[in-house]
N, C-alpha and C. Protein backbone atom coordinates (compact mmCIF):
# COMPACT_ATOMS: atom_id res chain seq x y z
N MET A 1 0.61 -0.89 -0.15
CA MET A 1 0.23 0.05 0.05
C MET A 1 0.91 1.34 0.01
N ARG A 2 1.89 1.20 0.74
CA ARG A 2 2.58 2.22 0.64
C ARG A 2 3.70 2.57 -0.53
N SER A 3 3.75 1.19 -0.92
CA SER A 3 4.64 1.72 -2.27
C SER A 3 3.61 2.23 -3.47
N LEU A 4 2.34 1.82 -3.34
CA LEU A 4 1.20 2.51 -4.11
C LEU A 4 1.35 4.07 -3.98
N LYS A 5 1.24 4.45 -2.92
CA LYS A 5 1.32 6.18 -2.25
C LYS A 5 2.06 6.56 -3.18
N SER A 6 3.56 5.68 -2.93
CA SER A 6 5.06 6.46 -3.37
C SER A 6 4.63 6.69 -5.06
N LEU A 7 4.12 5.99 -5.53
CA LEU A 7 4.16 5.45 -7.06
C LEU A 7 3.16 6.80 -7.48
N MET A 8 2.11 6.56 -6.82
CA MET A 8 0.90 7.60 -7.18
C MET A 8 1.47 9.13 -7.28
N LEU A 9 2.44 9.72 -6.17
CA LEU A 9 3.05 10.83 -5.51
C LEU A 9 4.08 11.08 -6.50
N ALA A 10 4.66 9.85 -7.36
CA ALA A 10 5.92 10.31 -8.16
C ALA A 10 5.39 10.56 -9.50
N LEU A 11 4.10 9.94 -9.84
CA LEU A 11 3.42 10.04 -11.02
C LEU A 11 3.20 11.41 -11.25
N LEU A 12 2.27 11.90 -10.14
CA LEU A 12 1.69 13.24 -9.75
C LEU A 12 2.88 14.34 -9.89
N LEU A 13 4.07 14.05 -9.16
CA LEU A 13 5.17 15.13 -9.43
C LEU A 13 5.59 15.14 -10.65
N ALA A 14 5.72 13.82 -11.44
CA ALA A 14 6.12 13.84 -12.62
C ALA A 14 5.50 14.80 -13.72
N ALA A 15 3.84 14.68 -13.45
CA ALA A 15 3.34 15.59 -14.52
C ALA A 15 2.63 16.92 -14.09
N ALA A 16 3.26 17.42 -12.82
CA ALA A 16 3.05 18.80 -12.81
C ALA A 16 3.48 19.74 -13.77
N PRO A 17 4.94 19.45 -13.99
CA PRO A 17 5.07 20.44 -15.26
C PRO A 17 4.26 20.63 -16.32
N LEU A 18 3.79 19.49 -16.88
CA LEU A 18 3.23 19.39 -17.95
C LEU A 18 1.56 20.14 -17.91
N VAL A 19 1.21 20.27 -17.04
CA VAL A 19 -0.10 21.03 -16.20
C VAL A 19 0.00 22.47 -16.10
N HIS A 20 -0.48 23.45 -16.88
CA HIS A 20 -0.44 24.87 -16.48
C HIS A 20 -1.44 25.82 -16.92
N ALA A 21 -1.85 26.71 -16.15
CA ALA A 21 -3.29 27.33 -16.54
C ALA A 21 -2.73 28.46 -17.50
N GLY A 22 -3.75 28.89 -18.31
CA GLY A 22 -3.36 29.78 -19.45
C GLY A 22 -4.40 30.87 -19.20
N GLU A 23 -3.78 31.94 -19.79
CA GLU A 23 -5.04 33.30 -19.50
C GLU A 23 -6.04 33.02 -20.37
N ALA A 24 -7.24 33.20 -19.51
CA ALA A 24 -8.54 33.40 -20.16
C ALA A 24 -8.74 34.16 -21.02
N ALA A 25 -9.33 33.30 -22.11
CA ALA A 25 -9.72 34.12 -23.40
C ALA A 25 -10.58 35.59 -23.03
N PRO A 26 -10.78 36.48 -23.66
CA PRO A 26 -11.68 37.73 -23.20
C PRO A 26 -13.30 37.17 -23.27
N ALA A 27 -14.26 37.12 -22.31
CA ALA A 27 -15.29 36.56 -22.68
C ALA A 27 -16.19 38.09 -23.35
N ALA A 28 -16.53 38.10 -24.78
CA ALA A 28 -16.59 39.14 -25.60
C ALA A 28 -18.14 38.29 -26.10
N ASP A 29 -18.89 39.79 -26.34
CA ASP A 29 -20.10 39.25 -26.62
C ASP A 29 -19.94 39.56 -28.11
N ASP A 30 -19.11 40.06 -28.92
CA ASP A 30 -18.99 40.51 -30.26
C ASP A 30 -17.29 40.48 -30.62
N PRO A 31 -17.21 39.31 -30.82
CA PRO A 31 -15.46 38.75 -31.26
C PRO A 31 -15.01 39.93 -32.43
N VAL A 32 -15.72 40.49 -33.12
CA VAL A 32 -15.33 41.43 -33.98
C VAL A 32 -14.77 42.51 -33.33
N LEU A 33 -15.57 43.15 -32.48
CA LEU A 33 -15.15 44.11 -31.63
C LEU A 33 -14.00 44.05 -30.94
N GLU A 34 -13.69 42.86 -30.19
CA GLU A 34 -12.63 42.32 -29.35
C GLU A 34 -11.52 42.42 -30.37
N LYS A 35 -11.29 42.04 -31.57
CA LYS A 35 -10.09 42.05 -32.38
C LYS A 35 -9.91 43.46 -32.81
N ARG A 36 -10.86 44.41 -32.85
CA ARG A 36 -10.53 45.75 -33.02
C ARG A 36 -9.91 46.37 -31.72
N VAL A 37 -10.42 46.12 -30.51
CA VAL A 37 -9.97 46.70 -29.41
C VAL A 37 -8.47 45.79 -29.21
N LEU A 38 -8.19 44.61 -29.50
CA LEU A 38 -6.65 44.08 -29.45
C LEU A 38 -6.05 44.79 -30.75
N LYS A 39 -6.63 44.94 -31.71
CA LYS A 39 -5.59 45.63 -32.80
C LYS A 39 -5.36 47.06 -32.32
N LEU A 40 -6.01 47.89 -31.73
CA LEU A 40 -6.03 48.99 -31.03
C LEU A 40 -4.92 49.14 -29.93
N SER A 41 -4.87 48.01 -29.40
CA SER A 41 -4.44 47.81 -28.04
C SER A 41 -2.75 47.72 -28.07
N GLU A 42 -2.75 46.86 -29.23
CA GLU A 42 -1.14 46.97 -29.93
C GLU A 42 -0.51 48.25 -30.59
N GLU A 43 -1.27 49.21 -30.58
CA GLU A 43 -0.85 50.40 -31.11
C GLU A 43 -0.53 51.65 -30.27
N LEU A 44 -0.96 51.28 -28.94
CA LEU A 44 -1.03 52.08 -27.80
C LEU A 44 0.05 51.38 -26.82
N ARG A 45 0.63 52.19 -26.25
CA ARG A 45 1.93 52.55 -25.09
C ARG A 45 0.94 51.96 -23.90
N CYS A 46 1.72 51.24 -23.01
CA CYS A 46 1.04 51.45 -21.55
C CYS A 46 1.91 52.70 -20.82
N LEU A 47 1.24 53.24 -20.39
CA LEU A 47 1.72 54.65 -19.72
C LEU A 47 2.87 54.20 -18.36
N VAL A 48 2.31 53.14 -18.29
CA VAL A 48 3.36 52.71 -16.51
C VAL A 48 4.22 51.71 -16.64
N CYS A 49 4.20 51.10 -17.90
CA CYS A 49 5.37 49.96 -18.10
C CYS A 49 6.45 50.25 -19.24
N GLN A 50 7.40 49.81 -18.87
CA GLN A 50 8.59 50.09 -19.76
C GLN A 50 8.39 49.45 -21.01
N ASN A 51 8.25 50.24 -22.35
CA ASN A 51 8.21 49.60 -23.85
C ASN A 51 7.17 48.53 -23.74
N GLN A 52 6.25 48.39 -23.22
CA GLN A 52 5.31 47.64 -23.46
C GLN A 52 3.98 48.57 -24.20
N THR A 53 3.22 47.56 -25.21
CA THR A 53 1.76 47.88 -25.66
C THR A 53 0.92 47.55 -24.03
N ILE A 54 -0.41 48.11 -24.58
CA ILE A 54 -1.35 47.79 -23.66
C ILE A 54 -1.91 46.49 -23.59
N ALA A 55 -1.47 46.01 -24.94
CA ALA A 55 -1.93 44.56 -25.17
C ALA A 55 -1.58 43.67 -24.35
N ASP A 56 -0.26 44.12 -24.10
CA ASP A 56 0.89 43.30 -23.83
C ASP A 56 0.80 42.95 -21.93
N SER A 57 0.56 44.34 -21.44
CA SER A 57 0.29 45.11 -19.94
C SER A 57 -0.55 44.13 -19.36
N HIS A 58 -0.50 44.24 -17.91
CA HIS A 58 -1.45 43.79 -17.24
C HIS A 58 -1.56 44.71 -16.04
N ALA A 59 -0.92 45.82 -16.00
CA ALA A 59 -1.01 46.73 -15.38
C ALA A 59 -2.58 47.55 -15.03
N ASP A 60 -2.64 48.04 -14.11
CA ASP A 60 -4.40 48.28 -13.84
C ASP A 60 -4.64 49.45 -14.86
N LEU A 61 -3.79 50.35 -14.99
CA LEU A 61 -3.97 51.19 -16.05
C LEU A 61 -4.47 50.80 -17.47
N ALA A 62 -3.41 49.79 -17.82
CA ALA A 62 -3.75 49.12 -19.19
C ALA A 62 -4.94 48.49 -19.57
N VAL A 63 -5.33 47.96 -18.15
CA VAL A 63 -6.66 47.21 -18.34
C VAL A 63 -7.70 48.15 -18.37
N ASP A 64 -7.51 49.50 -17.59
CA ASP A 64 -8.51 50.52 -17.63
C ASP A 64 -8.56 50.99 -19.16
N LEU A 65 -7.49 51.27 -19.79
CA LEU A 65 -7.31 51.68 -21.18
C LEU A 65 -7.95 50.74 -22.14
N LYS A 66 -7.34 49.57 -22.16
CA LYS A 66 -8.45 48.56 -22.76
C LYS A 66 -9.93 48.81 -22.85
N ASN A 67 -10.70 48.74 -21.48
CA ASN A 67 -11.87 49.04 -21.26
C ASN A 67 -12.31 50.50 -21.70
N GLN A 68 -11.45 51.24 -21.62
CA GLN A 68 -11.65 52.63 -22.60
C GLN A 68 -12.20 52.58 -24.00
N ILE A 69 -11.10 51.56 -24.63
CA ILE A 69 -11.25 51.64 -26.21
C ILE A 69 -12.25 50.85 -26.49
N ARG A 70 -12.49 49.95 -25.62
CA ARG A 70 -13.89 49.11 -25.73
C ARG A 70 -15.13 49.80 -25.80
N GLU A 71 -15.33 50.86 -24.93
CA GLU A 71 -16.45 51.74 -24.60
C GLU A 71 -16.36 52.74 -25.77
N LYS A 72 -15.62 53.14 -26.21
CA LYS A 72 -15.50 54.04 -27.28
C LYS A 72 -15.60 53.28 -28.64
N LEU A 73 -15.25 52.34 -28.83
CA LEU A 73 -15.78 51.44 -30.00
C LEU A 73 -17.36 51.09 -29.92
N LYS A 74 -17.69 50.84 -28.68
CA LYS A 74 -19.26 50.26 -28.58
C LYS A 74 -20.06 51.76 -29.18
N GLN A 75 -19.32 53.01 -28.66
CA GLN A 75 -20.32 54.34 -28.82
C GLN A 75 -20.20 54.32 -30.56
N GLY A 76 -19.42 53.84 -31.01
CA GLY A 76 -19.37 53.88 -32.81
C GLY A 76 -18.36 54.75 -33.42
N MET A 77 -16.93 54.80 -32.51
CA MET A 77 -16.24 55.68 -32.77
C MET A 77 -15.48 54.79 -33.61
N SER A 78 -14.55 55.20 -34.41
CA SER A 78 -13.93 54.69 -35.82
C SER A 78 -12.58 54.42 -34.84
N ASP A 79 -11.86 53.62 -35.64
CA ASP A 79 -10.18 53.44 -34.94
C ASP A 79 -9.48 54.45 -34.58
N ASN A 80 -9.58 55.29 -35.68
CA ASN A 80 -8.71 56.55 -35.60
C ASN A 80 -9.26 57.65 -34.71
N GLU A 81 -10.52 57.60 -34.79
CA GLU A 81 -11.00 58.65 -33.73
C GLU A 81 -10.64 58.20 -32.14
N VAL A 82 -10.64 56.87 -32.04
CA VAL A 82 -9.50 56.38 -30.63
C VAL A 82 -8.60 56.58 -30.34
N LYS A 83 -7.94 56.50 -31.18
CA LYS A 83 -6.41 56.75 -31.12
C LYS A 83 -6.20 58.62 -31.22
N ASP A 84 -6.97 59.00 -31.71
CA ASP A 84 -6.76 60.60 -31.91
C ASP A 84 -7.43 61.16 -30.37
N TYR A 85 -8.03 60.40 -29.83
CA TYR A 85 -9.09 60.45 -28.30
C TYR A 85 -8.03 60.15 -27.21
N MET A 86 -7.02 59.15 -27.34
CA MET A 86 -5.92 58.99 -26.40
C MET A 86 -4.65 59.55 -26.72
N VAL A 87 -4.46 60.28 -27.77
CA VAL A 87 -3.21 61.39 -27.73
C VAL A 87 -4.20 62.51 -27.31
N ALA A 88 -4.91 63.03 -27.73
CA ALA A 88 -5.63 64.33 -26.94
C ALA A 88 -5.35 64.07 -25.51
N ARG A 89 -5.91 62.91 -25.12
CA ARG A 89 -5.90 62.81 -23.51
C ARG A 89 -4.32 62.45 -23.02
N TYR A 90 -3.68 61.86 -23.80
CA TYR A 90 -2.38 61.32 -23.28
C TYR A 90 -0.99 61.86 -23.72
N GLY A 91 -1.10 62.34 -24.87
CA GLY A 91 -0.26 63.07 -25.59
C GLY A 91 0.63 61.87 -26.83
N ASP A 92 1.27 62.28 -27.51
CA ASP A 92 1.98 61.40 -28.77
C ASP A 92 2.83 60.22 -27.69
N PHE A 93 3.05 60.25 -26.82
CA PHE A 93 3.91 58.85 -25.98
C PHE A 93 3.15 58.43 -25.57
N VAL A 94 1.56 58.04 -25.81
CA VAL A 94 0.74 56.91 -25.88
C VAL A 94 0.52 56.12 -27.01
N LEU A 95 1.07 56.60 -28.14
CA LEU A 95 1.63 55.85 -29.18
C LEU A 95 2.66 55.03 -29.35
N TYR A 96 2.58 53.91 -29.78
CA TYR A 96 3.64 52.61 -29.74
C TYR A 96 4.74 53.54 -30.69
N ARG A 97 4.14 53.83 -31.74
CA ARG A 97 5.23 54.61 -33.03
C ARG A 97 4.43 55.79 -33.38
N PRO A 98 5.58 56.67 -32.27
CA PRO A 98 4.59 58.32 -32.51
C PRO A 98 5.11 58.47 -34.11
N PRO A 99 4.51 59.62 -34.45
CA PRO A 99 4.42 60.20 -35.61
C PRO A 99 5.78 60.78 -35.93
N VAL A 100 6.77 61.08 -36.98
CA VAL A 100 7.62 62.02 -37.42
C VAL A 100 7.25 63.52 -37.34
N LYS A 101 7.34 64.41 -36.28
CA LYS A 101 7.46 65.67 -36.66
C LYS A 101 7.77 66.39 -35.62
N ALA A 102 8.12 67.68 -35.65
CA ALA A 102 8.89 68.25 -34.80
C ALA A 102 9.11 68.22 -33.05
N THR A 103 8.39 67.61 -32.71
CA THR A 103 8.06 67.60 -31.29
C THR A 103 8.67 66.33 -30.82
N THR A 104 8.88 65.74 -32.15
CA THR A 104 9.35 63.93 -31.70
C THR A 104 10.54 63.58 -32.68
N TRP A 105 11.60 64.85 -33.15
CA TRP A 105 12.53 64.42 -33.97
C TRP A 105 13.61 63.59 -33.09
N VAL A 106 13.80 64.20 -32.01
CA VAL A 106 14.57 63.59 -31.12
C VAL A 106 14.62 62.16 -30.77
N LEU A 107 12.98 61.64 -30.54
CA LEU A 107 12.91 60.19 -30.47
C LEU A 107 13.45 59.49 -31.79
N TRP A 108 13.16 59.96 -32.93
CA TRP A 108 13.63 59.32 -34.44
C TRP A 108 15.02 59.45 -34.43
N PHE A 109 15.38 60.80 -34.32
CA PHE A 109 17.01 60.89 -35.04
C PHE A 109 17.81 61.26 -33.95
N GLY A 110 17.59 61.30 -32.74
CA GLY A 110 18.60 61.51 -31.72
C GLY A 110 19.59 60.22 -31.83
N PRO A 111 19.24 59.07 -31.58
CA PRO A 111 19.85 57.80 -31.86
C PRO A 111 21.00 57.91 -33.02
N PHE A 112 21.15 58.36 -33.94
CA PHE A 112 21.75 58.34 -34.93
C PHE A 112 22.42 59.44 -34.96
N ALA A 113 21.92 60.45 -34.43
CA ALA A 113 22.72 61.74 -33.87
C ALA A 113 24.13 61.37 -33.17
N LEU A 114 23.59 60.84 -32.14
CA LEU A 114 24.65 60.17 -31.23
C LEU A 114 25.60 59.36 -31.88
N LEU A 115 25.14 58.77 -32.75
CA LEU A 115 26.00 57.58 -33.21
C LEU A 115 26.85 58.42 -34.26
N VAL A 116 26.70 59.49 -34.81
CA VAL A 116 27.67 60.34 -35.69
C VAL A 116 28.44 60.82 -35.00
N ILE A 117 28.10 61.65 -33.67
CA ILE A 117 29.15 62.32 -32.77
C ILE A 117 29.96 61.30 -32.31
N GLY A 118 29.56 60.07 -32.14
CA GLY A 118 30.23 59.23 -31.08
C GLY A 118 31.36 58.70 -32.18
N VAL A 119 31.25 58.35 -33.67
CA VAL A 119 32.23 58.31 -34.82
C VAL A 119 33.02 59.37 -34.81
N VAL A 120 32.62 60.70 -34.95
CA VAL A 120 33.91 61.91 -35.00
C VAL A 120 34.65 61.72 -33.72
N VAL A 121 34.09 61.64 -32.48
CA VAL A 121 34.85 61.88 -31.31
C VAL A 121 35.61 60.80 -31.22
N LEU A 122 35.72 59.56 -31.68
CA LEU A 122 36.42 58.19 -32.05
C LEU A 122 37.44 58.69 -32.97
N PHE A 123 37.01 59.05 -34.01
CA PHE A 123 38.25 59.20 -35.14
C PHE A 123 39.50 60.59 -34.63
N ALA A 124 38.56 61.82 -34.04
CA ALA A 124 39.51 62.89 -33.33
C ALA A 124 40.38 62.30 -32.58
N LYS A 125 39.75 61.03 -31.27
CA LYS A 125 40.99 60.51 -30.64
C LYS A 125 41.97 59.74 -31.18
N LEU A 126 41.79 58.91 -31.94
CA LEU A 126 42.60 58.03 -32.93
C LEU A 126 43.80 59.06 -33.32
N LYS A 127 43.16 59.72 -33.91
CA LYS A 127 44.32 60.68 -35.00
C LYS A 127 44.97 61.42 -33.65
N SER A 128 44.51 62.06 -32.61
CA SER A 128 45.40 62.56 -31.66
C SER A 128 46.41 61.90 -31.11
N ARG A 129 45.92 60.33 -30.58
CA ARG A 129 46.98 59.64 -30.42
C ARG A 129 47.92 59.21 -31.24
N ALA A 130 47.56 59.35 -32.31
CA ALA A 130 48.74 59.02 -33.59
C ALA A 130 49.62 59.97 -33.21
N ARG A 131 49.54 61.23 -33.09
CA ARG A 131 49.95 62.47 -33.17
C ARG A 131 51.19 62.65 -31.96
N LYS A 132 50.46 61.90 -30.86
CA LYS A 132 51.30 61.73 -29.52
C LYS A 132 52.31 60.65 -29.81
N VAL A 133 51.50 59.72 -30.58
CA VAL A 133 52.88 58.85 -30.53
C VAL A 133 53.97 59.10 -31.19
N ALA A 134 53.64 59.83 -32.37
CA ALA A 134 54.84 60.25 -33.71
C ALA A 134 55.66 61.54 -32.47
N ALA A 135 55.06 62.09 -31.72
CA ALA A 135 55.49 63.10 -30.68
C ALA A 135 56.52 62.47 -29.89
N ALA A 136 56.39 60.96 -29.51
CA ALA A 136 57.02 61.00 -28.37
C ALA A 136 58.17 60.03 -28.96
N ALA A 137 58.14 59.55 -30.17
CA ALA A 137 59.21 59.19 -30.97
C ALA A 137 60.21 60.18 -31.39
N GLY A 138 59.90 61.27 -31.41
CA GLY A 138 60.64 62.45 -31.31
C GLY A 138 60.88 62.86 -33.03
N LEU A 139 59.58 62.32 -33.56
CA LEU A 139 59.31 62.79 -35.12
C LEU A 139 58.79 64.01 -35.22
N SER A 140 59.03 64.79 -35.92
CA SER A 140 58.27 66.05 -36.50
C SER A 140 57.02 65.73 -37.28
N GLU A 141 56.39 66.57 -37.70
CA GLU A 141 54.91 66.36 -38.25
C GLU A 141 55.31 65.37 -39.92
N ALA A 142 56.61 66.49 -40.43
CA ALA A 142 56.95 66.26 -41.85
C ALA A 142 57.44 64.77 -41.59
N ASP A 143 58.31 64.11 -40.63
CA ASP A 143 58.79 63.26 -40.55
C ASP A 143 57.72 62.04 -40.55
N HIS A 144 57.05 62.53 -39.70
CA HIS A 144 55.80 61.25 -39.48
C HIS A 144 54.89 60.86 -40.83
N GLN A 145 54.99 62.22 -41.42
CA GLN A 145 54.37 61.81 -42.79
C GLN A 145 54.99 61.21 -43.92
N ARG A 146 56.22 61.40 -43.85
CA ARG A 146 57.55 60.74 -44.71
C ARG A 146 57.47 59.48 -44.71
N ALA A 147 57.50 59.01 -43.17
CA ALA A 147 57.47 57.80 -43.00
C ALA A 147 55.75 56.82 -43.03
N GLN A 148 54.91 57.33 -43.20
CA GLN A 148 53.70 57.05 -43.55
C GLN A 148 53.93 56.67 -45.07
N SER A 149 54.16 57.85 -46.05
CA SER A 149 54.25 57.77 -47.03
C SER A 149 55.47 56.38 -47.64
N LEU A 150 56.40 56.09 -46.94
CA LEU A 150 57.39 55.22 -47.00
C LEU A 150 56.85 53.95 -46.64
N LEU A 151 55.85 53.68 -46.02
CA LEU A 151 55.31 52.62 -45.26
C LEU A 151 54.28 52.14 -46.28
N GLY A 152 53.78 53.11 -46.97
CA GLY A 152 52.94 52.62 -47.93
C GLY A 152 53.34 52.36 -49.26
N ALA A 153 54.27 52.77 -49.70
CA ALA A 153 55.36 52.69 -50.72
C ALA A 153 55.59 51.33 -50.63
N GLU A 154 56.11 51.02 -49.32
CA GLU A 154 56.79 49.45 -49.23
C GLU A 154 55.65 48.27 -49.18
N GLU A 155 54.71 48.81 -48.72
CA GLU A 155 53.23 47.75 -48.46
C GLU A 155 53.02 47.42 -49.93
N LYS A 156 52.85 48.47 -50.97
CA LYS A 156 52.68 48.21 -52.28
C LYS A 156 53.46 47.35 -53.09
N ARG A 157 54.88 47.42 -52.66
CA ARG A 157 55.64 46.68 -53.09
C ARG A 157 55.77 45.04 -52.86
N GLU A 158 55.51 45.18 -51.48
CA GLU A 158 55.07 43.84 -51.06
C GLU A 158 54.02 43.04 -51.67
N GLY A 159 52.68 43.83 -51.76
CA GLY A 159 51.45 43.71 -52.54
C GLY A 159 51.74 42.84 -54.00
N ALA A 160 52.67 43.55 -54.68
CA ALA A 160 52.53 43.43 -56.03
C ALA A 160 53.53 42.38 -56.50
């Protein structure tokens, strides 16, 4: 009897990882409406979460925003009217992909500007370092350029 209990317990423990509770599907009267709510929820940012749409978020505010979307759609508003309502209420930040306009240029072009600045600073540092190495070797700028041209000519001969 004891081995039967042990066997049952072992089987139960072995099957435990296979059993999991999934998220319940929304109980909707209108599946077309729920599809529109989901589509809009994927285009709007959760205001309290880090880089998540309100469709992905389970924060209380995200749930409230989804309910607001559902209510606005039930009132007959179009998808664009709902988005405009949310932008009017929360600003462009609520859009997961904000439009390119003067107030959002930093969001769109800031990373590229930082990359260009970084490359320019790196190039300047490397050039400065090369000059310091040449100066430490006791070479003048003219001697350094002559050495570079001689090394370039020698590399050409070796490559030929």
